[in-house]
C-alpha atoms as a PDB file:
ATOM      1  CA  MET A   1     104.567 135.452-177.974  1.00  0.00           C
ATOM      2  CA  VAL A   2     103.382 138.598-176.380  1.00  0.00           C
ATOM      3  CA  ASN A   3     100.413 140.256-178.084  1.00  0.00           C
ATOM      4  CA  HIS A   4     101.097 143.972-178.402  1.00  0.00           C
ATOM      5  CA  GLN A   5      97.694 144.751-180.006  1.00  0.00           C
ATOM      6  CA  GLN A   6      96.279 148.014-178.763  1.00  0.00           C
ATOM      7  CA  PRO A   7      93.041 147.730-176.793  1.00  0.00           C
ATOM      8  CA  MET A   8      89.971 148.599-178.797  1.00  0.00           C
ATOM      9  CA  HIS A   9      88.684 152.098-178.131  1.00  0.00           C
ATOM     10  CA  VAL A  10      85.036 152.098-177.165  1.00  0.00           C
ATOM     11  CA  PRO A  11      83.163 155.385-177.784  1.00  0.00           C
ATOM     12  CA  ASP A  12      81.716 157.054-174.757  1.00  0.00           C
ATOM     13  CA  GLU A  13      78.352 157.268-176.532  1.00  0.00           C
ATOM     14  CA  TRP A  14      77.987 153.496-176.172  1.00  0.00           C
ATOM     15  CA  PHE A  15      77.722 153.850-172.411  1.00  0.00           C
ATOM     16  CA  LYS A  16      75.208 156.710-172.550  1.00  0.00           C
ATOM     17  CA  PRO A  17      71.626 155.617-172.145  1.00  0.00           C
ATOM     18  CA  LYS A  18      69.516 156.019-175.225  1.00  0.00           C
ATOM     19  CA  GLU A  19      66.565 158.360-175.223  1.00  0.00           C
ATOM     20  CA  THR A  20      64.193 155.439-175.673  1.00  0.00           C
ATOM     21  CA  ASP A  21      65.703 153.765-172.609  1.00  0.00           C
ATOM     22  CA  LYS A  22      65.205 156.949-170.608  1.00  0.00           C
ATOM     23  CA  GLU A  23      61.590 157.205-171.699  1.00  0.00           C
ATOM     24  CA  GLN A  24      60.963 153.564-170.800  1.00  0.00           C
ATOM     25  CA  ALA A  25      62.593 154.035-167.404  1.00  0.00           C
ATOM     26  CA  GLU A  26      60.581 157.179-166.740  1.00  0.00           C
ATOM     27  CA  SER A  27      57.380 155.417-167.733  1.00  0.00           C
ATOM     28  CA  VAL A  28      58.144 152.728-165.164  1.00  0.00           C
ATOM     29  CA  VAL A  29      59.082 155.161-162.401  1.00  0.00           C
ATOM     30  CA  ARG A  30      56.330 157.706-163.169  1.00  0.00           C
ATOM     31  CA  PRO A  31      53.393 157.248-160.790  1.00  0.00           C
ATOM     32  CA  SER A  32      50.207 155.997-162.394  1.00  0.00           C
ATOM     33  CA  LEU A  33      47.499 158.562-162.962  1.00  0.00           C
ATOM     34  CA  SER A  34      43.993 158.215-161.665  1.00  0.00           C
ATOM     35  CA  TYR A  35      41.131 157.700-164.087  1.00  0.00           C
ATOM     36  CA  TRP A  36      40.025 161.350-164.013  1.00  0.00           C
ATOM     37  CA  LYS A  37      43.553 162.783-164.182  1.00  0.00           C
ATOM     38  CA  ASP A  38      44.340 160.559-167.142  1.00  0.00           C
ATOM     39  CA  ALA A  39      41.090 161.611-168.826  1.00  0.00           C
ATOM     40  CA  TRP A  40      41.949 165.288-168.299  1.00  0.00           C
ATOM     41  CA  ARG A  41      45.435 164.701-169.714  1.00  0.00           C
ATOM     42  CA  ARG A  42      44.004 163.189-172.885  1.00  0.00           C
ATOM     43  CA  LEU A  43      41.301 165.839-173.132  1.00  0.00           C
ATOM     44  CA  ARG A  44      43.941 168.576-173.113  1.00  0.00           C
ATOM     45  CA  LYS A  45      45.531 166.988-176.190  1.00  0.00           C
ATOM     46  CA  ASN A  46      42.280 167.424-178.116  1.00  0.00           C
ATOM     47  CA  LYS A  47      42.570 170.940-179.538  1.00  0.00           C
ATOM     48  CA  MET A  48      38.977 171.095-180.777  1.00  0.00           C
ATOM     49  CA  ALA A  49      37.567 170.051-177.407  1.00  0.00           C
ATOM     50  CA  MET A  50      39.779 172.505-175.531  1.00  0.00           C
ATOM     51  CA  GLY A  51      38.785 175.255-177.936  1.00  0.00           C
ATOM     52  CA  GLY A  52      35.133 174.504-177.220  1.00  0.00           C
ATOM     53  CA  LEU A  53      35.786 174.514-173.480  1.00  0.00           C
ATOM     54  CA  ILE A  54      37.585 177.875-173.628  1.00  0.00           C
ATOM     55  CA  PHE A  55      34.763 179.356-175.692  1.00  0.00           C
ATOM     56  CA  LEU A  56      32.143 178.164-173.175  1.00  0.00           C
ATOM     57  CA  ILE A  57      34.142 179.580-170.258  1.00  0.00           C
ATOM     58  CA  LEU A  58      34.453 182.958-171.976  1.00  0.00           C
ATOM     59  CA  LEU A  59      30.770 182.863-172.910  1.00  0.00           C
ATOM     60  CA  THR A  60      29.801 182.241-169.291  1.00  0.00           C
ATOM     61  CA  LEU A  61      32.030 185.051-168.037  1.00  0.00           C
ATOM     62  CA  PHE A  62      30.596 187.502-170.560  1.00  0.00           C
ATOM     63  CA  ALA A  63      27.053 186.428-169.696  1.00  0.00           C
ATOM     64  CA  ILE A  64      27.743 187.151-166.022  1.00  0.00           C
ATOM     65  CA  PHE A  65      29.718 190.380-166.209  1.00  0.00           C
ATOM     66  CA  ALA A  66      28.953 192.034-169.569  1.00  0.00           C
ATOM     67  CA  PRO A  67      25.409 193.209-168.658  1.00  0.00           C
ATOM     68  CA  ILE A  68      26.754 194.560-165.372  1.00  0.00           C
ATOM     69  CA  LEU A  69      29.570 196.498-167.026  1.00  0.00           C
ATOM     70  CA  SER A  70      27.524 197.669-170.012  1.00  0.00           C
ATOM     71  CA  PRO A  71      26.597 201.392-169.896  1.00  0.00           C
ATOM     72  CA  HIS A  72      23.396 200.776-171.881  1.00  0.00           C
ATOM     73  CA  ASN A  73      19.989 200.220-170.312  1.00  0.00           C
ATOM     74  CA  ILE A  74      17.624 197.759-171.971  1.00  0.00           C
ATOM     75  CA  GLU A  75      14.616 198.487-169.764  1.00  0.00           C
ATOM     76  CA  THR A  76      13.936 201.959-171.163  1.00  0.00           C
ATOM     77  CA  THR A  77      13.062 202.396-174.830  1.00  0.00           C
ATOM     78  CA  GLN A  78      15.186 204.874-176.768  1.00  0.00           C
ATOM     79  CA  TYR A  79      13.543 205.351-180.154  1.00  0.00           C
ATOM     80  CA  ALA A  80      16.098 207.983-181.134  1.00  0.00           C
ATOM     81  CA  ASN A  81      18.692 205.180-181.361  1.00  0.00           C
ATOM     82  CA  GLN A  82      16.567 202.531-183.077  1.00  0.00           C
ATOM     83  CA  ASN A  83      18.053 200.204-185.708  1.00  0.00           C
ATOM     84  CA  GLN A  84      21.542 201.695-185.635  1.00  0.00           C
ATOM     85  CA  PRO A  85      24.284 199.544-187.203  1.00  0.00           C
ATOM     86  CA  PRO A  86      27.263 198.308-185.166  1.00  0.00           C
ATOM     87  CA  SER A  87      29.504 201.168-184.100  1.00  0.00           C
ATOM     88  CA  ALA A  88      31.941 202.188-181.383  1.00  0.00           C
ATOM     89  CA  THR A  89      28.999 203.179-179.172  1.00  0.00           C
ATOM     90  CA  HIS A  90      26.811 200.136-179.870  1.00  0.00           C
ATOM     91  CA  TRP A  91      29.126 197.253-180.740  1.00  0.00           C
ATOM     92  CA  PHE A  92      26.309 194.990-181.987  1.00  0.00           C
ATOM     93  CA  GLY A  93      23.996 197.795-183.082  1.00  0.00           C
ATOM     94  CA  THR A  94      20.498 198.517-181.742  1.00  0.00           C
ATOM     95  CA  ASP A  95      17.003 197.140-182.351  1.00  0.00           C
ATOM     96  CA  GLU A  96      13.670 198.764-183.178  1.00  0.00           C
ATOM     97  CA  LYS A  97      13.234 200.029-179.601  1.00  0.00           C
ATOM     98  CA  GLY A  98      16.712 201.480-179.345  1.00  0.00           C
ATOM     99  CA  TRP A  99      17.944 198.731-177.037  1.00  0.00           C
ATOM    100  CA  ASP A 100      21.619 197.822-177.291  1.00  0.00           C
ATOM    101  CA  VAL A 101      21.922 194.455-179.046  1.00  0.00           C
ATOM    102  CA  PHE A 102      25.258 193.730-177.349  1.00  0.00           C
ATOM    103  CA  THR A 103      23.695 193.988-173.893  1.00  0.00           C
ATOM    104  CA  ARG A 104      20.600 192.031-174.909  1.00  0.00           C
ATOM    105  CA  THR A 105      22.816 189.308-176.395  1.00  0.00           C
ATOM    106  CA  TRP A 106      24.465 188.643-173.056  1.00  0.00           C
ATOM    107  CA  TYR A 107      21.160 188.756-171.204  1.00  0.00           C
ATOM    108  CA  GLY A 108      20.003 186.213-173.766  1.00  0.00           C
ATOM    109  CA  ALA A 109      23.112 184.144-173.043  1.00  0.00           C
ATOM    110  CA  ARG A 110      22.123 184.063-169.378  1.00  0.00           C
ATOM    111  CA  VAL A 111      18.670 182.741-170.207  1.00  0.00           C
ATOM    112  CA  SER A 112      19.827 180.231-172.810  1.00  0.00           C
ATOM    113  CA  LEU A 113      22.654 178.845-170.674  1.00  0.00           C
ATOM    114  CA  PHE A 114      20.416 178.660-167.607  1.00  0.00           C
ATOM    115  CA  VAL A 115      17.747 176.749-169.514  1.00  0.00           C
ATOM    116  CA  GLY A 116      20.307 174.368-171.005  1.00  0.00           C
ATOM    117  CA  VAL A 117      22.121 173.644-167.736  1.00  0.00           C
ATOM    118  CA  ALA A 118      18.894 173.373-165.711  1.00  0.00           C
ATOM    119  CA  ALA A 119      17.373 170.941-168.213  1.00  0.00           C
ATOM    120  CA  ALA A 120      20.567 168.855-168.213  1.00  0.00           C
ATOM    121  CA  LEU A 121      20.690 168.710-164.396  1.00  0.00           C
ATOM    122  CA  ILE A 122      17.042 167.675-164.119  1.00  0.00           C
ATOM    123  CA  ASP A 123      17.565 164.998-166.771  1.00  0.00           C
ATOM    124  CA  PHE A 124      20.661 163.911-164.841  1.00  0.00           C
ATOM    125  CA  PHE A 125      18.928 163.395-161.499  1.00  0.00           C
ATOM    126  CA  ILE A 126      15.766 161.793-162.867  1.00  0.00           C
ATOM    127  CA  GLY A 127      17.673 159.689-165.371  1.00  0.00           C
ATOM    128  CA  ILE A 128      20.219 158.228-162.955  1.00  0.00           C
ATOM    129  CA  ILE A 129      17.573 157.404-160.342  1.00  0.00           C
ATOM    130  CA  TYR A 130      15.142 155.846-162.794  1.00  0.00           C
ATOM    131  CA  GLY A 131      17.751 154.109-164.946  1.00  0.00           C
ATOM    132  CA  GLY A 132      19.807 152.970-161.957  1.00  0.00           C
ATOM    133  CA  ILE A 133      16.840 151.302-160.258  1.00  0.00           C
ATOM    134  CA  SER A 134      15.646 149.748-163.511  1.00  0.00           C
ATOM    135  CA  GLY A 135      19.020 148.289-164.406  1.00  0.00           C
ATOM    136  CA  TYR A 136      19.863 147.086-160.907  1.00  0.00           C
ATOM    137  CA  LYS A 137      16.528 145.474-160.079  1.00  0.00           C
ATOM    138  CA  GLY A 138      16.057 143.761-163.418  1.00  0.00           C
ATOM    139  CA  GLY A 139      13.295 141.223-164.009  1.00  0.00           C
ATOM    140  CA  ARG A 140       9.706 142.433-163.947  1.00  0.00           C
ATOM    141  CA  THR A 141      10.650 145.769-162.420  1.00  0.00           C
ATOM    142  CA  ASP A 142      13.020 146.505-165.270  1.00  0.00           C
ATOM    143  CA  SER A 143      10.495 145.326-167.851  1.00  0.00           C
ATOM    144  CA  LEU A 144       7.715 147.538-166.450  1.00  0.00           C
ATOM    145  CA  MET A 145       9.930 150.598-166.124  1.00  0.00           C
ATOM    146  CA  MET A 146      11.236 150.180-169.650  1.00  0.00           C
ATOM    147  CA  ARG A 147       7.685 149.925-171.042  1.00  0.00           C
ATOM    148  CA  ILE A 148       6.967 153.300-169.457  1.00  0.00           C
ATOM    149  CA  ILE A 149      10.095 154.741-171.071  1.00  0.00           C
ATOM    150  CA  GLU A 150       9.081 153.344-174.445  1.00  0.00           C
ATOM    151  CA  ILE A 151       5.655 155.005-174.169  1.00  0.00           C
ATOM    152  CA  LEU A 152       7.259 158.354-173.295  1.00  0.00           C
ATOM    153  CA  TYR A 153       9.860 157.925-176.005  1.00  0.00           C
ATOM    154  CA  GLY A 154       7.130 157.332-178.580  1.00  0.00           C
ATOM    155  CA  LEU A 155       5.348 160.586-177.794  1.00  0.00           C
ATOM    156  CA  PRO A 156       6.079 163.468-180.204  1.00  0.00           C
ATOM    157  CA  HIS A 157       8.367 165.531-178.004  1.00  0.00           C
ATOM    158  CA  LEU A 158       7.924 168.832-179.791  1.00  0.00           C
ATOM    159  CA  LEU A 159       4.128 168.545-179.800  1.00  0.00           C
ATOM    160  CA  VAL A 160       4.075 167.787-176.063  1.00  0.00           C
ATOM    161  CA  VAL A 161       6.317 170.774-175.361  1.00  0.00           C
ATOM    162  CA  ILE A 162       4.227 173.171-177.436  1.00  0.00           C
ATOM    163  CA  LEU A 163       0.951 171.980-175.872  1.00  0.00           C
ATOM    164  CA  LEU A 164       2.392 172.367-172.388  1.00  0.00           C
ATOM    165  CA  MET A 165       3.669 175.839-173.198  1.00  0.00           C
ATOM    166  CA  VAL A 166       0.241 176.875-174.504  1.00  0.00           C
ATOM    167  CA  ILE A 167      -1.585 175.461-171.453  1.00  0.00           C
ATOM    168  CA  MET A 168       0.782 176.766-168.758  1.00  0.00           C
ATOM    169  CA  GLY A 169       1.738 180.015-170.445  1.00  0.00           C
ATOM    170  CA  ALA A 170       5.124 181.244-171.653  1.00  0.00           C
ATOM    171  CA  SER A 171       7.653 181.600-168.844  1.00  0.00           C
ATOM    172  CA  LEU A 172      11.135 180.436-167.970  1.00  0.00           C
ATOM    173  CA  THR A 173       9.813 177.819-165.528  1.00  0.00           C
ATOM    174  CA  THR A 174       7.374 176.469-168.096  1.00  0.00           C
ATOM    175  CA  ILE A 175      10.133 176.165-170.686  1.00  0.00           C
ATOM    176  CA  ILE A 176      12.303 174.104-168.327  1.00  0.00           C
ATOM    177  CA  ILE A 177       9.387 171.840-167.328  1.00  0.00           C
ATOM    178  CA  ALA A 178       8.397 171.379-170.961  1.00  0.00           C
ATOM    179  CA  LEU A 179      11.935 170.441-171.999  1.00  0.00           C
ATOM    180  CA  THR A 180      12.430 167.947-169.162  1.00  0.00           C
ATOM    181  CA  ILE A 181       9.026 166.253-169.092  1.00  0.00           C
ATOM    182  CA  THR A 182      10.321 163.634-171.536  1.00  0.00           C
ATOM    183  CA  GLY A 183      13.947 164.763-171.930  1.00  0.00           C
ATOM    184  CA  TRP A 184      15.236 162.505-169.157  1.00  0.00           C
ATOM    185  CA  VAL A 185      14.354 159.341-171.096  1.00  0.00           C
ATOM    186  CA  GLY A 186      17.651 159.224-172.992  1.00  0.00           C
ATOM    187  CA  MET A 187      19.682 159.632-169.809  1.00  0.00           C
ATOM    188  CA  ALA A 188      17.706 156.846-168.088  1.00  0.00           C
ATOM    189  CA  ARG A 189      18.352 154.418-170.935  1.00  0.00           C
ATOM    190  CA  ILE A 190      22.091 155.128-170.902  1.00  0.00           C
ATOM    191  CA  VAL A 191      22.326 154.681-167.118  1.00  0.00           C
ATOM    192  CA  ARG A 192      20.318 151.457-167.281  1.00  0.00           C
ATOM    193  CA  GLY A 193      22.616 150.024-169.951  1.00  0.00           C
ATOM    194  CA  GLN A 194      25.729 150.863-167.945  1.00  0.00           C
ATOM    195  CA  VAL A 195      24.293 149.429-164.715  1.00  0.00           C
ATOM    196  CA  LEU A 196      23.330 146.187-166.468  1.00  0.00           C
ATOM    197  CA  GLN A 197      26.957 145.754-167.528  1.00  0.00           C
ATOM    198  CA  ILE A 198      28.586 146.212-164.122  1.00  0.00           C
ATOM    199  CA  LYS A 199      25.978 145.083-161.593  1.00  0.00           C
ATOM    200  CA  ASN A 200      27.400 141.531-161.557  1.00  0.00           C
ATOM    201  CA  TYR A 201      31.017 142.600-161.038  1.00  0.00           C
ATOM    202  CA  GLU A 202      32.848 141.262-157.983  1.00  0.00           C
ATOM    203  CA  PHE A 203      32.905 144.534-156.055  1.00  0.00           C
ATOM    204  CA  VAL A 204      29.116 144.801-156.375  1.00  0.00           C
ATOM    205  CA  THR A 205      28.687 141.195-155.246  1.00  0.00           C
ATOM    206  CA  ALA A 206      30.974 141.883-152.291  1.00  0.00           C
ATOM    207  CA  SER A 207      28.825 144.840-151.237  1.00  0.00           C
ATOM    208  CA  LYS A 208      25.729 142.636-151.393  1.00  0.00           C
ATOM    209  CA  SER A 209      27.389 139.964-149.259  1.00  0.00           C
ATOM    210  CA  PHE A 210      28.151 142.576-146.593  1.00  0.00           C
ATOM    211  CA  GLY A 211      24.479 143.498-146.454  1.00  0.00           C
ATOM    212  CA  ALA A 212      24.570 146.834-148.270  1.00  0.00           C
ATOM    213  CA  LYS A 213      21.161 148.178-149.209  1.00  0.00           C
ATOM    214  CA  THR A 214      20.124 148.866-152.809  1.00  0.00           C
ATOM    215  CA  PRO A 215      20.339 152.704-152.583  1.00  0.00           C
ATOM    216  CA  ARG A 216      23.854 152.486-151.150  1.00  0.00           C
ATOM    217  CA  ILE A 217      25.023 150.020-153.805  1.00  0.00           C
ATOM    218  CA  ILE A 218      23.673 152.239-156.570  1.00  0.00           C
ATOM    219  CA  ARG A 219      25.157 155.385-155.008  1.00  0.00           C
ATOM    220  CA  LYS A 220      28.553 153.998-153.962  1.00  0.00           C
ATOM    221  CA  ASN A 221      29.312 151.216-156.432  1.00  0.00           C
ATOM    222  CA  LEU A 222      27.324 151.582-159.622  1.00  0.00           C
ATOM    223  CA  LEU A 223      26.996 155.301-160.334  1.00  0.00           C
ATOM    224  CA  PRO A 224      30.693 156.221-159.848  1.00  0.00           C
ATOM    225  CA  ASN A 225      31.582 153.644-162.501  1.00  0.00           C
ATOM    226  CA  THR A 226      29.054 154.995-164.986  1.00  0.00           C
ATOM    227  CA  MET A 227      29.881 158.701-164.686  1.00  0.00           C
ATOM    228  CA  GLY A 228      31.869 158.793-167.937  1.00  0.00           C
ATOM    229  CA  PRO A 229      28.922 158.158-170.301  1.00  0.00           C
ATOM    230  CA  ILE A 230      26.646 160.222-168.041  1.00  0.00           C
ATOM    231  CA  ILE A 231      28.898 163.312-168.272  1.00  0.00           C
ATOM    232  CA  VAL A 232      29.163 162.928-172.039  1.00  0.00           C
ATOM    233  CA  GLN A 233      25.380 162.697-172.297  1.00  0.00           C
ATOM    234  CA  MET A 234      25.016 165.868-170.210  1.00  0.00           C
ATOM    235  CA  THR A 235      27.335 167.807-172.522  1.00  0.00           C
ATOM    236  CA  LEU A 236      25.099 166.786-175.419  1.00  0.00           C
ATOM    237  CA  THR A 237      21.864 167.529-173.535  1.00  0.00           C
ATOM    238  CA  VAL A 238      22.768 171.173-172.879  1.00  0.00           C
ATOM    239  CA  PRO A 239      23.011 172.245-176.562  1.00  0.00           C
ATOM    240  CA  SER A 240      19.847 170.286-177.378  1.00  0.00           C
ATOM    241  CA  ALA A 241      17.963 172.172-174.659  1.00  0.00           C
ATOM    242  CA  ILE A 242      19.418 175.511-175.813  1.00  0.00           C
ATOM    243  CA  PHE A 243      18.322 174.853-179.382  1.00  0.00           C
ATOM    244  CA  ALA A 244      14.871 173.682-178.261  1.00  0.00           C
ATOM    245  CA  GLU A 245      14.436 176.819-176.155  1.00  0.00           C
ATOM    246  CA  ALA A 246      15.574 178.999-179.047  1.00  0.00           C
ATOM    247  CA  PHE A 247      13.100 177.253-181.351  1.00  0.00           C
ATOM    248  CA  LEU A 248      10.228 177.718-178.902  1.00  0.00           C
ATOM    249  CA  SER A 249      11.160 181.372-178.445  1.00  0.00           C
ATOM    250  CA  PHE A 250      11.363 181.755-182.217  1.00  0.00           C
ATOM    251  CA  LEU A 251       7.764 180.535-182.374  1.00  0.00           C
ATOM    252  CA  GLY A 252       6.755 183.237-179.900  1.00  0.00           C
ATOM    253  CA  LEU A 253       6.623 180.997-176.818  1.00  0.00           C
ATOM    254  CA  GLY A 254       9.621 182.533-175.054  1.00  0.00           C
ATOM    255  CA  ILE A 255       9.976 184.953-172.170  1.00  0.00           C
ATOM    256  CA  ALA A 256       8.673 188.510-172.345  1.00  0.00           C
ATOM    257  CA  ALA A 257      10.684 191.604-173.261  1.00  0.00           C
ATOM    258  CA  PRO A 258      12.903 193.380-172.448  1.00  0.00           C
ATOM    259  CA  PHE A 259      14.791 190.334-171.137  1.00  0.00           C
ATOM    260  CA  ALA A 260      15.000 187.804-173.899  1.00  0.00           C
ATOM    261  CA  SER A 261      16.808 184.711-175.028  1.00  0.00           C
ATOM    262  CA  TRP A 262      18.640 184.309-178.315  1.00  0.00           C
ATOM    263  CA  GLY A 263      15.542 182.722-179.839  1.00  0.00           C
ATOM    264  CA  VAL A 264      13.383 185.728-178.931  1.00  0.00           C
ATOM    265  CA  MET A 265      15.966 188.081-180.440  1.00  0.00           C
ATOM    266  CA  ALA A 266      16.012 186.047-183.668  1.00  0.00           C
ATOM    267  CA  ASN A 267      12.211 186.093-183.795  1.00  0.00           C
ATOM    268  CA  ASP A 268      12.150 189.871-183.330  1.00  0.00           C
ATOM    269  CA  ALA A 269      14.765 190.347-186.059  1.00  0.00           C
ATOM    270  CA  LEU A 270      13.160 188.146-188.714  1.00  0.00           C
ATOM    271  CA  PRO A 271      10.535 190.664-189.963  1.00  0.00           C
ATOM    272  CA  VAL A 272      13.172 193.364-190.543  1.00  0.00           C
ATOM    273  CA  ILE A 273      15.978 191.245-191.956  1.00  0.00           C
ATOM    274  CA  LEU A 274      15.034 192.279-195.512  1.00  0.00           C
ATOM    275  CA  SER A 275      15.318 195.929-194.494  1.00  0.00           C
ATOM    276  CA  GLY A 276      19.090 195.607-194.184  1.00  0.00           C
ATOM    277  CA  HIS A 277      19.238 195.272-190.392  1.00  0.00           C
ATOM    278  CA  TRP A 278      21.351 192.142-190.635  1.00  0.00           C
ATOM    279  CA  TRP A 279      23.059 192.560-187.245  1.00  0.00           C
ATOM    280  CA  ARG A 280      19.850 191.906-185.339  1.00  0.00           C
ATOM    281  CA  LEU A 281      19.668 188.332-186.611  1.00  0.00           C
ATOM    282  CA  PHE A 282      23.355 187.670-187.135  1.00  0.00           C
ATOM    283  CA  PHE A 283      24.560 187.942-183.532  1.00  0.00           C
ATOM    284  CA  PRO A 284      21.947 185.737-181.793  1.00  0.00           C
ATOM    285  CA  ALA A 285      22.193 183.177-184.612  1.00  0.00           C
ATOM    286  CA  PHE A 286      25.986 183.256-184.403  1.00  0.00           C
ATOM    287  CA  PHE A 287      26.065 182.606-180.659  1.00  0.00           C
ATOM    288  CA  ILE A 288      23.440 179.851-180.889  1.00  0.00           C
ATOM    289  CA  SER A 289      25.512 178.091-183.554  1.00  0.00           C
ATOM    290  CA  MET A 290      28.854 178.557-181.797  1.00  0.00           C
ATOM    291  CA  THR A 291      27.490 177.442-178.425  1.00  0.00           C
ATOM    292  CA  MET A 292      26.005 174.269-179.885  1.00  0.00           C
ATOM    293  CA  PHE A 293      29.224 173.597-181.798  1.00  0.00           C
ATOM    294  CA  ALA A 294      31.347 174.135-178.674  1.00  0.00           C
ATOM    295  CA  PHE A 295      29.251 171.761-176.575  1.00  0.00           C
ATOM    296  CA  ASN A 296      29.271 169.115-179.293  1.00  0.00           C
ATOM    297  CA  VAL A 297      33.039 169.134-179.846  1.00  0.00           C
ATOM    298  CA  LEU A 298      33.560 169.158-176.068  1.00  0.00           C
ATOM    299  CA  GLY A 299      31.220 166.181-175.721  1.00  0.00           C
ATOM    300  CA  ASP A 300      33.047 164.274-178.460  1.00  0.00           C
ATOM    301  CA  GLY A 301      36.390 165.051-176.834  1.00  0.00           C
ATOM    302  CA  MET A 302      35.174 163.937-173.421  1.00  0.00           C
ATOM    303  CA  GLN A 303      33.793 160.738-174.912  1.00  0.00           C
ATOM    304  CA  ASP A 304      37.235 159.916-176.289  1.00  0.00           C
ATOM    305  CA  ALA A 305      38.993 160.977-173.089  1.00  0.00           C
ATOM    306  CA  LEU A 306      36.705 158.960-170.800  1.00  0.00           C
ATOM    307  CA  ASP A 307      36.763 155.807-172.945  1.00  0.00           C
ATOM    308  CA  PRO A 308      38.717 153.206-170.933  1.00  0.00           C
ATOM    309  CA  LYS A 309      39.670 151.390-174.143  1.00  0.00           C
ATOM    310  CA  LEU A 310      41.789 154.386-175.191  1.00  0.00           C
ATOM    311  CA  ARG A 311      43.782 154.642-171.980  1.00  0.00           C
ATOM    312  CA  GLY A 312      47.468 154.281-172.262  1.00  0.00           C
END
């Protein structure tokens, strides 16, 4: 008997690849990203961290160009314009000497950012050298170097800074030296911990077997594999240095007028805050807070982005 049953109609959709299949195929074909490209990709997904980064970029641009483009001079006192509230002429108002607060704010941003970045870079270089040698050498060398760090770590940091500022005099150079005299200790401990973890890896052992010297092994093999935690630590060191400088300037240990940091501006505004001149304290305090917040959220975002456990 001949079977006259019609052939079953198969929908065309059955032969179309599913979206999940396409995504899986693309994930297989897509070239693998490097460590830093993958970290940047994940950092861009963090809206808070990217917001902090954009704010810091804009802050740096304003600190560079705003004083140049500003029509107001802060080197000549203009008592006829003293303590004027924010207006179309003086966006942030004026102070007791008639200086434009907007212009002084961006000069203060230059000083504060310079102190923060300089302190972070000095901590970076001293910390990676000291911590790298301590972690790589190990044994008695590591024990002795760590005892020195413990002694420095036990010293009251703020007291040391204030004493040094009083002895050497208030200046930008003195502030940076005072902030970094013990500030590198935290960086050294982080580098040491990272080096202790990876110094026995196979690629380090291979470099030793080929006769590589200690400085080359630290520079070529160890440090590149510890840069993630080091960069995160630097992003957290900058706001700490900015706040420390602002606190010292608030105590009257900052740089001299007319060029001032945010801490000096806050110190100058404190006696007249009850007189209704709120803008003199508000703007430096606002930028100190926002800068510290931006660095902190950026540091947290970079810590998540650079964590190898979160790759994928």
